[in-house]
Amino acid sequence: MIELTVNAAGLARSRFAVSPLHEVVATLLPWGLQPVPDADPWVTRARRVLRRARLPLLSELALDGPGYVPDFLNPYPSGPSPTVEEELERVRCTPPERVLSELEALRVGRPCNGLASSELPEGVRRAMARGGAHVARQAAEEMRRYWELAFAPHWEAAKAVLDAEVGRCAGVLTGYGAAKLFNSLHPDIEWAEGTLRVESRLRIALPVPMVVVVPSVVMPRPGVAVDPTRDEDRPPMLIYPVRDKAISRVIAPVVPSTEVAQLLGPTRAGLLAALTQPASTAQLAARHFLSPATVSYHLGVLHRAGLVTRTRAGRSVLYRRTPEGTRLTRNR
């Protein structure tokens, strides 16, 4: 159980934030490897991207069981809706000593809080030998690539869902007050008599100056990000899942049916299904782990069949589904 004691002033300072980088880091936790049954398909795909995209530092820090992902990968939201570029820059500029202290916390654990120690992987040790600043830069670059491959195509829809959730919470706060708001977030979150209680295998009880509340479409259950180094007086982040069948319909990429795959071939069917938003050959090649030449060939076939159009945007050529292509992907 995690218990956070917040006084009236702290409750007044508490706020919501929508964090793109938090969604990235959430897939490094065990449920990114084995998502809950109703998880969105792109969450499941994210771990496949992580394994295949040559992201050595993130791959070694990703968990397949209980443990701790260093908090510098998930910076404290500076505002209600930071951009991914702003958050990546904060990762890159993390003080070197903080990076190393958090990795040390990963190694030695925090037994008093129920956090077990963990052997540092060889790649992490090699990166640490080059200094905390090097680790921060490498992490930021790998997270950028991970974001571009696994999250960027879905973020607009995901953010719309999260923004709507923040709007819902604002209505509850206005109409019923803060206690009702916190008790409406999730069954495993309870507010009573000045204490916020979150079900957890960790054992933490501490007073906090405020709480930053972060809704998530990735997390299957609530969690609290608490600085294990205690080097800074950073308020904890309370993360909770936004789960609704409508969300999966909005965010989940269109997967071609068996019939469409048989008609077009699996590669062409997959590329056509992926064009929920305009994309270039290079973007599709990176997301599908294909060569640009292969993608270009298959897009050419789809273009000649009248299933996609292409328009120039600066130096890139963007492909879009035609109405015929969209109807074909929906007839499943």
C-alpha atoms as a PDB file:
ATOM      1  CA  MET A   1       0.000   0.000   0.000  1.00  0.00           C
ATOM      2  CA  ILE A   2       1.218   3.512  -0.875  1.00  0.00           C
ATOM      3  CA  GLU A   3      -0.076   6.246   1.410  1.00  0.00           C
ATOM      4  CA  LEU A   4       0.438   9.905   0.532  1.00  0.00           C
ATOM      5  CA  THR A   5      -0.590  12.459   3.132  1.00  0.00           C
ATOM      6  CA  VAL A   6      -1.538  15.791   1.581  1.00  0.00           C
ATOM      7  CA  ASN A   7      -2.679  18.821   3.585  1.00  0.00           C
ATOM      8  CA  ALA A   8      -5.211  21.377   2.342  1.00  0.00           C
ATOM      9  CA  ALA A   9      -2.525  23.593   0.781  1.00  0.00           C
ATOM     10  CA  GLY A  10      -0.996  20.612  -1.014  1.00  0.00           C
ATOM     11  CA  LEU A  11      -4.376  19.533  -2.264  1.00  0.00           C
ATOM     12  CA  ALA A  12      -4.916  23.015  -3.693  1.00  0.00           C
ATOM     13  CA  ARG A  13      -1.559  22.835  -5.505  1.00  0.00           C
ATOM     14  CA  SER A  14      -2.158  19.353  -6.951  1.00  0.00           C
ATOM     15  CA  ARG A  15      -2.766  19.277 -10.680  1.00  0.00           C
ATOM     16  CA  PHE A  16      -3.249  17.087 -13.750  1.00  0.00           C
ATOM     17  CA  ALA A  17      -0.796  16.561 -16.596  1.00  0.00           C
ATOM     18  CA  VAL A  18      -0.846  14.661 -19.889  1.00  0.00           C
ATOM     19  CA  SER A  19       2.647  13.285 -20.528  1.00  0.00           C
ATOM     20  CA  PRO A  20       3.640  11.647 -23.840  1.00  0.00           C
ATOM     21  CA  LEU A  21       6.923  10.345 -22.448  1.00  0.00           C
ATOM     22  CA  HIS A  22       5.169   8.696 -19.546  1.00  0.00           C
ATOM     23  CA  GLU A  23       3.286   6.477 -22.001  1.00  0.00           C
ATOM     24  CA  VAL A  24       6.629   5.448 -23.510  1.00  0.00           C
ATOM     25  CA  VAL A  25       8.149   4.576 -20.124  1.00  0.00           C
ATOM     26  CA  ALA A  26       5.024   2.685 -19.039  1.00  0.00           C
ATOM     27  CA  THR A  27       5.705   0.054 -21.720  1.00  0.00           C
ATOM     28  CA  LEU A  28       9.101  -0.634 -20.104  1.00  0.00           C
ATOM     29  CA  LEU A  29       7.243  -2.019 -17.086  1.00  0.00           C
ATOM     30  CA  PRO A  30       6.162  -5.683 -17.029  1.00  0.00           C
ATOM     31  CA  TRP A  31       2.698  -5.050 -18.456  1.00  0.00           C
ATOM     32  CA  GLY A  32       4.381  -3.756 -21.615  1.00  0.00           C
ATOM     33  CA  LEU A  33       5.651  -7.305 -22.115  1.00  0.00           C
ATOM     34  CA  GLN A  34       2.367  -9.004 -21.272  1.00  0.00           C
ATOM     35  CA  PRO A  35      -0.411  -6.400 -21.462  1.00  0.00           C
ATOM     36  CA  VAL A  36      -3.772  -7.066 -19.881  1.00  0.00           C
ATOM     37  CA  PRO A  37      -6.267  -8.769 -22.220  1.00  0.00           C
ATOM     38  CA  ASP A  38      -8.041  -5.531 -23.165  1.00  0.00           C
ATOM     39  CA  ALA A  39      -4.841  -3.582 -23.850  1.00  0.00           C
ATOM     40  CA  ASP A  40      -4.691  -1.600 -27.052  1.00  0.00           C
ATOM     41  CA  PRO A  41      -2.884  -3.432 -29.879  1.00  0.00           C
ATOM     42  CA  TRP A  42      -0.248  -0.730 -30.261  1.00  0.00           C
ATOM     43  CA  VAL A  43       0.817  -1.244 -26.632  1.00  0.00           C
ATOM     44  CA  THR A  44       1.543  -4.889 -27.409  1.00  0.00           C
ATOM     45  CA  ARG A  45       3.401  -3.871 -30.557  1.00  0.00           C
ATOM     46  CA  ALA A  46       5.585  -1.409 -28.626  1.00  0.00           C
ATOM     47  CA  ARG A  47       7.615  -4.158 -26.953  1.00  0.00           C
ATOM     48  CA  ARG A  48       8.163  -5.816 -30.335  1.00  0.00           C
ATOM     49  CA  VAL A  49       9.535  -2.518 -31.601  1.00  0.00           C
ATOM     50  CA  LEU A  50      11.765  -2.307 -28.540  1.00  0.00           C
ATOM     51  CA  ARG A  51      13.218  -5.752 -29.241  1.00  0.00           C
ATOM     52  CA  ARG A  52      13.747  -5.210 -32.941  1.00  0.00           C
ATOM     53  CA  ALA A  53      14.795  -1.567 -33.270  1.00  0.00           C
ATOM     54  CA  ARG A  54      18.271  -1.861 -31.693  1.00  0.00           C
ATOM     55  CA  LEU A  55      17.638   0.238 -28.603  1.00  0.00           C
ATOM     56  CA  PRO A  56      20.177  -1.389 -26.276  1.00  0.00           C
ATOM     57  CA  LEU A  57      19.875   0.840 -23.208  1.00  0.00           C
ATOM     58  CA  LEU A  58      16.063   0.874 -23.129  1.00  0.00           C
ATOM     59  CA  SER A  59      15.933  -2.846 -23.860  1.00  0.00           C
ATOM     60  CA  GLU A  60      18.132  -3.594 -20.865  1.00  0.00           C
ATOM     61  CA  LEU A  61      16.205  -1.278 -18.537  1.00  0.00           C
ATOM     62  CA  ALA A  62      12.838  -2.754 -19.566  1.00  0.00           C
ATOM     63  CA  LEU A  63      11.409  -5.091 -16.940  1.00  0.00           C
ATOM     64  CA  ASP A  64       9.998  -8.576 -17.327  1.00  0.00           C
ATOM     65  CA  GLY A  65       9.126  -8.801 -13.630  1.00  0.00           C
ATOM     66  CA  PRO A  66       9.064  -6.637 -10.475  1.00  0.00           C
ATOM     67  CA  GLY A  67      11.641  -3.895 -10.352  1.00  0.00           C
ATOM     68  CA  TYR A  68      12.313  -0.221 -10.898  1.00  0.00           C
ATOM     69  CA  VAL A  69      12.676   1.864 -14.062  1.00  0.00           C
ATOM     70  CA  PRO A  70      14.846   4.939 -13.357  1.00  0.00           C
ATOM     71  CA  ASP A  71      12.756   8.048 -12.904  1.00  0.00           C
ATOM     72  CA  PHE A  72      14.978  10.289 -15.021  1.00  0.00           C
ATOM     73  CA  LEU A  73      13.449   8.541 -18.047  1.00  0.00           C
ATOM     74  CA  ASN A  74      10.076   9.931 -17.003  1.00  0.00           C
ATOM     75  CA  PRO A  75      10.657  13.608 -16.171  1.00  0.00           C
ATOM     76  CA  TYR A  76       8.375  15.529 -13.882  1.00  0.00           C
ATOM     77  CA  PRO A  77       5.797  17.282 -16.118  1.00  0.00           C
ATOM     78  CA  SER A  78       6.652  20.971 -16.245  1.00  0.00           C
ATOM     79  CA  GLY A  79       3.138  21.931 -17.305  1.00  0.00           C
ATOM     80  CA  PRO A  80      -0.291  20.484 -18.017  1.00  0.00           C
ATOM     81  CA  SER A  81       0.605  19.198 -21.501  1.00  0.00           C
ATOM     82  CA  PRO A  82       4.332  19.102 -22.327  1.00  0.00           C
ATOM     83  CA  THR A  83       5.389  18.067 -25.828  1.00  0.00           C
ATOM     84  CA  VAL A  84       7.511  14.997 -26.377  1.00  0.00           C
ATOM     85  CA  GLU A  85      10.384  17.240 -27.540  1.00  0.00           C
ATOM     86  CA  GLU A  86      10.260  19.199 -24.295  1.00  0.00           C
ATOM     87  CA  GLU A  87      10.298  16.006 -22.246  1.00  0.00           C
ATOM     88  CA  LEU A  88      13.121  14.430 -24.282  1.00  0.00           C
ATOM     89  CA  GLU A  89      15.210  17.555 -23.745  1.00  0.00           C
ATOM     90  CA  ARG A  90      14.682  17.252 -20.002  1.00  0.00           C
ATOM     91  CA  VAL A  91      15.876  13.639 -20.134  1.00  0.00           C
ATOM     92  CA  ARG A  92      18.932  14.707 -22.124  1.00  0.00           C
ATOM     93  CA  CYS A  93      19.750  17.451 -19.606  1.00  0.00           C
ATOM     94  CA  THR A  94      19.284  15.358 -16.457  1.00  0.00           C
ATOM     95  CA  PRO A  95      22.108  16.130 -14.002  1.00  0.00           C
ATOM     96  CA  PRO A  96      24.711  13.355 -14.361  1.00  0.00           C
ATOM     97  CA  GLU A  97      24.814  12.686 -10.632  1.00  0.00           C
ATOM     98  CA  ARG A  98      21.069  12.076 -10.563  1.00  0.00           C
ATOM     99  CA  VAL A  99      21.294   9.588 -13.436  1.00  0.00           C
ATOM    100  CA  LEU A 100      23.982   7.605 -11.639  1.00  0.00           C
ATOM    101  CA  SER A 101      22.206   7.746  -8.260  1.00  0.00           C
ATOM    102  CA  GLU A 102      18.997   6.358  -9.767  1.00  0.00           C
ATOM    103  CA  LEU A 103      20.866   3.555 -11.482  1.00  0.00           C
ATOM    104  CA  GLU A 104      22.533   2.837  -8.148  1.00  0.00           C
ATOM    105  CA  ALA A 105      19.051   2.701  -6.560  1.00  0.00           C
ATOM    106  CA  LEU A 106      18.182   0.135  -9.207  1.00  0.00           C
ATOM    107  CA  ARG A 107      21.224  -1.927  -8.251  1.00  0.00           C
ATOM    108  CA  VAL A 108      20.876  -1.894  -4.452  1.00  0.00           C
ATOM    109  CA  GLY A 109      17.067  -1.719  -4.244  1.00  0.00           C
ATOM    110  CA  ARG A 110      15.058  -0.264  -1.382  1.00  0.00           C
ATOM    111  CA  PRO A 111      14.178  -3.218   0.882  1.00  0.00           C
ATOM    112  CA  CYS A 112      12.329  -1.008   3.372  1.00  0.00           C
ATOM    113  CA  ASN A 113       9.890  -0.087   0.587  1.00  0.00           C
ATOM    114  CA  GLY A 114       9.622  -3.555  -0.878  1.00  0.00           C
ATOM    115  CA  LEU A 115      11.897  -2.772  -3.853  1.00  0.00           C
ATOM    116  CA  ALA A 116      14.348  -5.629  -4.460  1.00  0.00           C
ATOM    117  CA  SER A 117      17.884  -5.137  -5.730  1.00  0.00           C
ATOM    118  CA  SER A 118      18.667  -5.857  -9.363  1.00  0.00           C
ATOM    119  CA  GLU A 119      21.885  -6.745 -11.142  1.00  0.00           C
ATOM    120  CA  LEU A 120      22.781  -4.004 -13.609  1.00  0.00           C
ATOM    121  CA  PRO A 121      22.951  -5.349 -17.180  1.00  0.00           C
ATOM    122  CA  GLU A 122      26.300  -5.221 -18.918  1.00  0.00           C
ATOM    123  CA  GLY A 123      25.228  -2.560 -21.408  1.00  0.00           C
ATOM    124  CA  VAL A 124      24.010  -0.280 -18.622  1.00  0.00           C
ATOM    125  CA  ARG A 125      27.304  -0.707 -16.762  1.00  0.00           C
ATOM    126  CA  ARG A 126      29.246   0.174 -19.928  1.00  0.00           C
ATOM    127  CA  ALA A 127      27.169   3.300 -20.443  1.00  0.00           C
ATOM    128  CA  MET A 128      27.617   4.316 -16.783  1.00  0.00           C
ATOM    129  CA  ALA A 129      31.376   3.988 -17.165  1.00  0.00           C
ATOM    130  CA  ARG A 130      31.202   6.827 -19.681  1.00  0.00           C
ATOM    131  CA  GLY A 131      29.389   9.034 -17.177  1.00  0.00           C
ATOM    132  CA  GLY A 132      25.889  10.088 -16.257  1.00  0.00           C
ATOM    133  CA  ALA A 133      25.728  12.699 -19.017  1.00  0.00           C
ATOM    134  CA  HIS A 134      26.438  10.040 -21.645  1.00  0.00           C
ATOM    135  CA  VAL A 135      23.700   7.794 -20.226  1.00  0.00           C
ATOM    136  CA  ALA A 136      21.204  10.681 -20.349  1.00  0.00           C
ATOM    137  CA  ARG A 137      22.044  11.511 -23.964  1.00  0.00           C
ATOM    138  CA  GLN A 138      21.881   7.888 -25.093  1.00  0.00           C
ATOM    139  CA  ALA A 139      18.584   7.377 -23.290  1.00  0.00           C
ATOM    140  CA  ALA A 140      17.069  10.485 -24.894  1.00  0.00           C
ATOM    141  CA  GLU A 141      18.104   9.407 -28.397  1.00  0.00           C
ATOM    142  CA  GLU A 142      16.802   5.871 -27.943  1.00  0.00           C
ATOM    143  CA  MET A 143      13.523   7.153 -26.512  1.00  0.00           C
ATOM    144  CA  ARG A 144      13.126   9.475 -29.490  1.00  0.00           C
ATOM    145  CA  ARG A 145      13.445   6.564 -31.909  1.00  0.00           C
ATOM    146  CA  TYR A 146      11.152   4.385 -29.796  1.00  0.00           C
ATOM    147  CA  TRP A 147       8.589   7.195 -29.755  1.00  0.00           C
ATOM    148  CA  GLU A 148       8.745   7.711 -33.522  1.00  0.00           C
ATOM    149  CA  LEU A 149       8.342   4.014 -34.300  1.00  0.00           C
ATOM    150  CA  ALA A 150       5.776   2.910 -31.741  1.00  0.00           C
ATOM    151  CA  PHE A 151       3.878   5.935 -30.422  1.00  0.00           C
ATOM    152  CA  ALA A 152       3.896   8.938 -32.754  1.00  0.00           C
ATOM    153  CA  PRO A 153       1.376   7.439 -35.220  1.00  0.00           C
ATOM    154  CA  HIS A 154      -1.181   7.009 -32.404  1.00  0.00           C
ATOM    155  CA  TRP A 155      -0.462   9.991 -30.162  1.00  0.00           C
ATOM    156  CA  GLU A 156      -3.002  12.409 -31.626  1.00  0.00           C
ATOM    157  CA  ALA A 157      -5.851   9.991 -30.909  1.00  0.00           C
ATOM    158  CA  ALA A 158      -4.424   8.964 -27.538  1.00  0.00           C
ATOM    159  CA  LYS A 159      -4.000  12.579 -26.444  1.00  0.00           C
ATOM    160  CA  ALA A 160      -7.593  13.346 -27.394  1.00  0.00           C
ATOM    161  CA  VAL A 161      -8.727  10.552 -25.065  1.00  0.00           C
ATOM    162  CA  LEU A 162      -6.497  11.781 -22.223  1.00  0.00           C
ATOM    163  CA  ASP A 163      -7.549  15.412 -22.676  1.00  0.00           C
ATOM    164  CA  ALA A 164     -11.176  14.295 -22.503  1.00  0.00           C
ATOM    165  CA  GLU A 165     -10.435  12.482 -19.238  1.00  0.00           C
ATOM    166  CA  VAL A 166      -8.873  15.620 -17.760  1.00  0.00           C
ATOM    167  CA  GLY A 167     -11.994  17.526 -18.806  1.00  0.00           C
ATOM    168  CA  ARG A 168     -14.176  14.931 -17.061  1.00  0.00           C
ATOM    169  CA  CYS A 169     -12.127  15.295 -13.887  1.00  0.00           C
ATOM    170  CA  ALA A 170     -12.439  19.076 -14.008  1.00  0.00           C
ATOM    171  CA  GLY A 171     -16.204  18.662 -14.073  1.00  0.00           C
ATOM    172  CA  VAL A 172     -16.163  16.327 -11.060  1.00  0.00           C
ATOM    173  CA  LEU A 173     -13.897  18.718  -9.136  1.00  0.00           C
ATOM    174  CA  THR A 174     -16.130  21.688  -9.888  1.00  0.00           C
ATOM    175  CA  GLY A 175     -19.347  19.911  -9.078  1.00  0.00           C
ATOM    176  CA  TYR A 176     -18.391  17.625  -6.188  1.00  0.00           C
ATOM    177  CA  GLY A 177     -14.975  18.590  -4.782  1.00  0.00           C
ATOM    178  CA  ALA A 178     -11.494  17.058  -4.557  1.00  0.00           C
ATOM    179  CA  ALA A 179     -12.424  14.050  -2.406  1.00  0.00           C
ATOM    180  CA  LYS A 180     -15.031  12.898  -4.909  1.00  0.00           C
ATOM    181  CA  LEU A 181     -12.564  13.494  -7.735  1.00  0.00           C
ATOM    182  CA  PHE A 182      -9.817  11.260  -6.321  1.00  0.00           C
ATOM    183  CA  ASN A 183     -12.307   8.554  -5.416  1.00  0.00           C
ATOM    184  CA  SER A 184     -13.610   8.600  -9.007  1.00  0.00           C
ATOM    185  CA  LEU A 185     -10.264   7.824 -10.633  1.00  0.00           C
ATOM    186  CA  HIS A 186      -9.999   4.062 -10.020  1.00  0.00           C
ATOM    187  CA  PRO A 187     -11.231   1.446  -7.501  1.00  0.00           C
ATOM    188  CA  ASP A 188      -7.641   0.998  -6.234  1.00  0.00           C
ATOM    189  CA  ILE A 189      -7.335   4.708  -5.383  1.00  0.00           C
ATOM    190  CA  GLU A 190      -8.982   5.995  -2.210  1.00  0.00           C
ATOM    191  CA  TRP A 191      -8.999   9.426  -0.618  1.00  0.00           C
ATOM    192  CA  ALA A 192      -9.979   9.675   3.035  1.00  0.00           C
ATOM    193  CA  GLU A 193      -9.088  12.002   5.920  1.00  0.00           C
ATOM    194  CA  GLY A 194      -6.233  13.733   4.160  1.00  0.00           C
ATOM    195  CA  THR A 195      -4.523  10.579   2.892  1.00  0.00           C
ATOM    196  CA  LEU A 196      -4.412   9.226  -0.631  1.00  0.00           C
ATOM    197  CA  ARG A 197      -4.114   5.422  -0.627  1.00  0.00           C
ATOM    198  CA  VAL A 198      -3.084   3.415  -3.675  1.00  0.00           C
ATOM    199  CA  GLU A 199      -3.034  -0.383  -3.752  1.00  0.00           C
ATOM    200  CA  SER A 200       0.542  -1.537  -4.416  1.00  0.00           C
ATOM    201  CA  ARG A 201       3.059  -4.250  -3.605  1.00  0.00           C
ATOM    202  CA  LEU A 202       5.355  -1.434  -2.405  1.00  0.00           C
ATOM    203  CA  ARG A 203       5.189  -0.141   1.153  1.00  0.00           C
ATOM    204  CA  ILE A 204       5.470   3.637   1.184  1.00  0.00           C
ATOM    205  CA  ALA A 205       3.970   6.185   3.568  1.00  0.00           C
ATOM    206  CA  LEU A 206       5.071   9.803   3.441  1.00  0.00           C
ATOM    207  CA  PRO A 207       3.786  13.368   3.559  1.00  0.00           C
ATOM    208  CA  VAL A 208       3.955  15.160   0.209  1.00  0.00           C
ATOM    209  CA  PRO A 209       3.610  18.837  -0.755  1.00  0.00           C
ATOM    210  CA  MET A 210       1.274  18.063  -3.664  1.00  0.00           C
ATOM    211  CA  VAL A 211       0.414  15.343  -6.193  1.00  0.00           C
ATOM    212  CA  VAL A 212       0.645  15.447  -9.985  1.00  0.00           C
ATOM    213  CA  VAL A 213      -2.111  13.258 -11.442  1.00  0.00           C
ATOM    214  CA  VAL A 214      -1.367  11.650 -14.824  1.00  0.00           C
ATOM    215  CA  PRO A 215      -3.996   9.665 -16.745  1.00  0.00           C
ATOM    216  CA  SER A 216      -2.644   6.907 -19.000  1.00  0.00           C
ATOM    217  CA  VAL A 217      -3.910   4.719 -21.826  1.00  0.00           C
ATOM    218  CA  VAL A 218      -0.989   2.302 -21.285  1.00  0.00           C
ATOM    219  CA  MET A 219      -1.065   1.553 -17.561  1.00  0.00           C
ATOM    220  CA  PRO A 220      -3.364  -1.360 -16.624  1.00  0.00           C
ATOM    221  CA  ARG A 221      -3.564  -0.318 -12.967  1.00  0.00           C
ATOM    222  CA  PRO A 222      -2.649   2.704 -10.823  1.00  0.00           C
ATOM    223  CA  GLY A 223       0.914   3.458  -9.810  1.00  0.00           C
ATOM    224  CA  VAL A 224       2.848   6.150  -7.982  1.00  0.00           C
ATOM    225  CA  ALA A 225       6.202   7.482  -9.154  1.00  0.00           C
ATOM    226  CA  VAL A 226       8.168   8.418  -6.051  1.00  0.00           C
ATOM    227  CA  ASP A 227      11.774   9.604  -6.250  1.00  0.00           C
ATOM    228  CA  PRO A 228      13.778   6.757  -4.654  1.00  0.00           C
ATOM    229  CA  THR A 229      16.932   8.853  -4.287  1.00  0.00           C
ATOM    230  CA  ARG A 230      15.164  11.608  -2.308  1.00  0.00           C
ATOM    231  CA  ASP A 231      17.804  14.007  -3.601  1.00  0.00           C
ATOM    232  CA  GLU A 232      15.126  16.441  -4.683  1.00  0.00           C
ATOM    233  CA  ASP A 233      11.819  17.369  -3.117  1.00  0.00           C
ATOM    234  CA  ARG A 234       9.879  16.247  -6.183  1.00  0.00           C
ATOM    235  CA  PRO A 235       6.167  15.640  -5.641  1.00  0.00           C
ATOM    236  CA  PRO A 236       4.996  12.143  -6.567  1.00  0.00           C
ATOM    237  CA  MET A 237       3.082  11.403  -9.735  1.00  0.00           C
ATOM    238  CA  LEU A 238      -0.116   9.418  -9.379  1.00  0.00           C
ATOM    239  CA  ILE A 239      -0.709   7.523 -12.635  1.00  0.00           C
ATOM    240  CA  TYR A 240      -3.992   5.786 -13.289  1.00  0.00           C
ATOM    241  CA  PRO A 241      -5.469   3.953 -16.291  1.00  0.00           C
ATOM    242  CA  VAL A 242      -8.122   5.338 -18.556  1.00  0.00           C
ATOM    243  CA  ARG A 243      -9.828   2.179 -19.779  1.00  0.00           C
ATOM    244  CA  ASP A 244     -12.872   2.207 -22.002  1.00  0.00           C
ATOM    245  CA  LYS A 245     -13.861   0.147 -24.997  1.00  0.00           C
ATOM    246  CA  ALA A 246     -14.285   3.364 -26.948  1.00  0.00           C
ATOM    247  CA  ILE A 247     -10.610   4.138 -26.418  1.00  0.00           C
ATOM    248  CA  SER A 248      -9.484   0.968 -28.119  1.00  0.00           C
ATOM    249  CA  ARG A 249     -11.697   1.763 -31.076  1.00  0.00           C
ATOM    250  CA  VAL A 250     -10.157   5.231 -31.361  1.00  0.00           C
ATOM    251  CA  ILE A 251      -6.506   4.336 -30.814  1.00  0.00           C
ATOM    252  CA  ALA A 252      -6.107   0.806 -32.068  1.00  0.00           C
ATOM    253  CA  PRO A 253      -4.616   0.609 -35.553  1.00  0.00           C
ATOM    254  CA  VAL A 254      -6.689  -1.067 -38.227  1.00  0.00           C
ATOM    255  CA  VAL A 255      -5.545  -4.647 -38.699  1.00  0.00           C
ATOM    256  CA  PRO A 256      -6.259  -6.160 -42.110  1.00  0.00           C
ATOM    257  CA  SER A 257      -8.642  -9.071 -42.217  1.00  0.00           C
ATOM    258  CA  THR A 258      -7.542 -12.484 -43.420  1.00  0.00           C
ATOM    259  CA  GLU A 259      -9.556 -11.947 -46.595  1.00  0.00           C
ATOM    260  CA  VAL A 260      -7.895  -8.584 -47.372  1.00  0.00           C
ATOM    261  CA  ALA A 261      -4.456 -10.077 -46.651  1.00  0.00           C
ATOM    262  CA  GLN A 262      -5.225 -12.936 -49.042  1.00  0.00           C
ATOM    263  CA  LEU A 263      -6.446 -10.497 -51.682  1.00  0.00           C
ATOM    264  CA  LEU A 264      -3.568  -7.987 -51.509  1.00  0.00           C
ATOM    265  CA  GLY A 265      -0.849 -10.008 -49.833  1.00  0.00           C
ATOM    266  CA  PRO A 266       0.072  -9.529 -46.144  1.00  0.00           C
ATOM    267  CA  THR A 267       2.641  -6.764 -46.713  1.00  0.00           C
ATOM    268  CA  ARG A 268       0.430  -4.603 -48.922  1.00  0.00           C
ATOM    269  CA  ALA A 269      -2.575  -5.217 -46.667  1.00  0.00           C
ATOM    270  CA  GLY A 270      -0.546  -4.186 -43.620  1.00  0.00           C
ATOM    271  CA  LEU A 271       0.686  -0.996 -45.270  1.00  0.00           C
ATOM    272  CA  LEU A 272      -2.820  -0.067 -46.391  1.00  0.00           C
ATOM    273  CA  ALA A 273      -4.185  -0.680 -42.882  1.00  0.00           C
ATOM    274  CA  ALA A 274      -1.385   1.433 -41.375  1.00  0.00           C
ATOM    275  CA  LEU A 275      -2.375   4.517 -43.368  1.00  0.00           C
ATOM    276  CA  THR A 276      -4.835   5.786 -40.771  1.00  0.00           C
ATOM    277  CA  GLN A 277      -2.840   9.021 -41.115  1.00  0.00           C
ATOM    278  CA  PRO A 278      -0.758  10.228 -44.089  1.00  0.00           C
ATOM    279  CA  ALA A 279       2.767   8.781 -44.014  1.00  0.00           C
ATOM    280  CA  SER A 280       5.913   8.758 -46.117  1.00  0.00           C
ATOM    281  CA  THR A 281       7.769   5.756 -47.484  1.00  0.00           C
ATOM    282  CA  ALA A 282      10.524   6.260 -44.897  1.00  0.00           C
ATOM    283  CA  GLN A 283       8.053   6.395 -42.000  1.00  0.00           C
ATOM    284  CA  LEU A 284       6.257   3.250 -43.117  1.00  0.00           C
ATOM    285  CA  ALA A 285       9.548   1.452 -43.701  1.00  0.00           C
ATOM    286  CA  ALA A 286      10.726   2.239 -40.151  1.00  0.00           C
ATOM    287  CA  ARG A 287       7.436   1.227 -38.532  1.00  0.00           C
ATOM    288  CA  HIS A 288       7.171  -2.054 -40.420  1.00  0.00           C
ATOM    289  CA  PHE A 289      10.897  -2.937 -40.397  1.00  0.00           C
ATOM    290  CA  LEU A 290      11.009  -3.062 -44.186  1.00  0.00           C
ATOM    291  CA  SER A 291      13.435  -1.488 -46.622  1.00  0.00           C
ATOM    292  CA  PRO A 292      12.289   1.773 -48.250  1.00  0.00           C
ATOM    293  CA  ALA A 293      12.579   0.081 -51.653  1.00  0.00           C
ATOM    294  CA  THR A 294      10.204  -2.703 -50.576  1.00  0.00           C
ATOM    295  CA  VAL A 295       7.679  -0.224 -49.191  1.00  0.00           C
ATOM    296  CA  SER A 296       7.942   1.932 -52.315  1.00  0.00           C
ATOM    297  CA  TYR A 297       7.227  -1.070 -54.528  1.00  0.00           C
ATOM    298  CA  HIS A 298       4.136  -2.126 -52.594  1.00  0.00           C
ATOM    299  CA  LEU A 299       2.825   1.452 -52.353  1.00  0.00           C
ATOM    300  CA  GLY A 300       3.227   1.716 -56.110  1.00  0.00           C
ATOM    301  CA  VAL A 301       1.003  -1.332 -56.559  1.00  0.00           C
ATOM    302  CA  LEU A 302      -1.602   0.127 -54.184  1.00  0.00           C
ATOM    303  CA  HIS A 303      -1.428   3.464 -56.013  1.00  0.00           C
ATOM    304  CA  ARG A 304      -1.990   1.902 -59.414  1.00  0.00           C
ATOM    305  CA  ALA A 305      -4.938  -0.017 -57.959  1.00  0.00           C
ATOM    306  CA  GLY A 306      -6.507   3.254 -56.798  1.00  0.00           C
ATOM    307  CA  LEU A 307      -6.271   2.383 -53.106  1.00  0.00           C
ATOM    308  CA  VAL A 308      -3.839   5.172 -52.121  1.00  0.00           C
ATOM    309  CA  THR A 309      -2.953   8.649 -53.358  1.00  0.00           C
ATOM    310  CA  ARG A 310       0.342  10.462 -53.061  1.00  0.00           C
ATOM    311  CA  THR A 311       1.113  14.155 -52.651  1.00  0.00           C
ATOM    312  CA  ARG A 312       4.367  15.997 -52.128  1.00  0.00           C
ATOM    313  CA  ALA A 313       4.889  17.767 -48.792  1.00  0.00           C
ATOM    314  CA  GLY A 314       8.233  19.540 -48.800  1.00  0.00           C
ATOM    315  CA  ARG A 315      10.890  16.936 -49.502  1.00  0.00           C
ATOM    316  CA  SER A 316       8.617  14.026 -48.672  1.00  0.00           C
ATOM    317  CA  VAL A 317       5.862  12.251 -50.554  1.00  0.00           C
ATOM    318  CA  LEU A 318       2.911  11.426 -48.313  1.00  0.00           C
ATOM    319  CA  TYR A 319       0.596   8.509 -49.035  1.00  0.00           C
ATOM    320  CA  ARG A 320      -3.079   8.533 -48.075  1.00  0.00           C
ATOM    321  CA  ARG A 321      -5.794   5.965 -48.408  1.00  0.00           C
ATOM    322  CA  THR A 322      -8.454   6.696 -50.974  1.00  0.00           C
ATOM    323  CA  PRO A 323     -12.126   6.162 -50.072  1.00  0.00           C
ATOM    324  CA  GLU A 324     -11.882   2.825 -51.871  1.00  0.00           C
ATOM    325  CA  GLY A 325      -8.857   1.842 -49.798  1.00  0.00           C
ATOM    326  CA  THR A 326     -10.612   2.824 -46.578  1.00  0.00           C
ATOM    327  CA  ARG A 327     -13.729   0.855 -47.488  1.00  0.00           C
ATOM    328  CA  LEU A 328     -11.586  -2.175 -48.228  1.00  0.00           C
ATOM    329  CA  THR A 329      -9.892  -2.071 -44.810  1.00  0.00           C
ATOM    330  CA  ARG A 330     -13.256  -1.705 -43.055  1.00  0.00           C
ATOM    331  CA  ASN A 331     -15.004  -4.541 -44.866  1.00  0.00           C
ATOM    332  CA  ARG A 332     -13.893  -7.239 -42.456  1.00  0.00           C
END
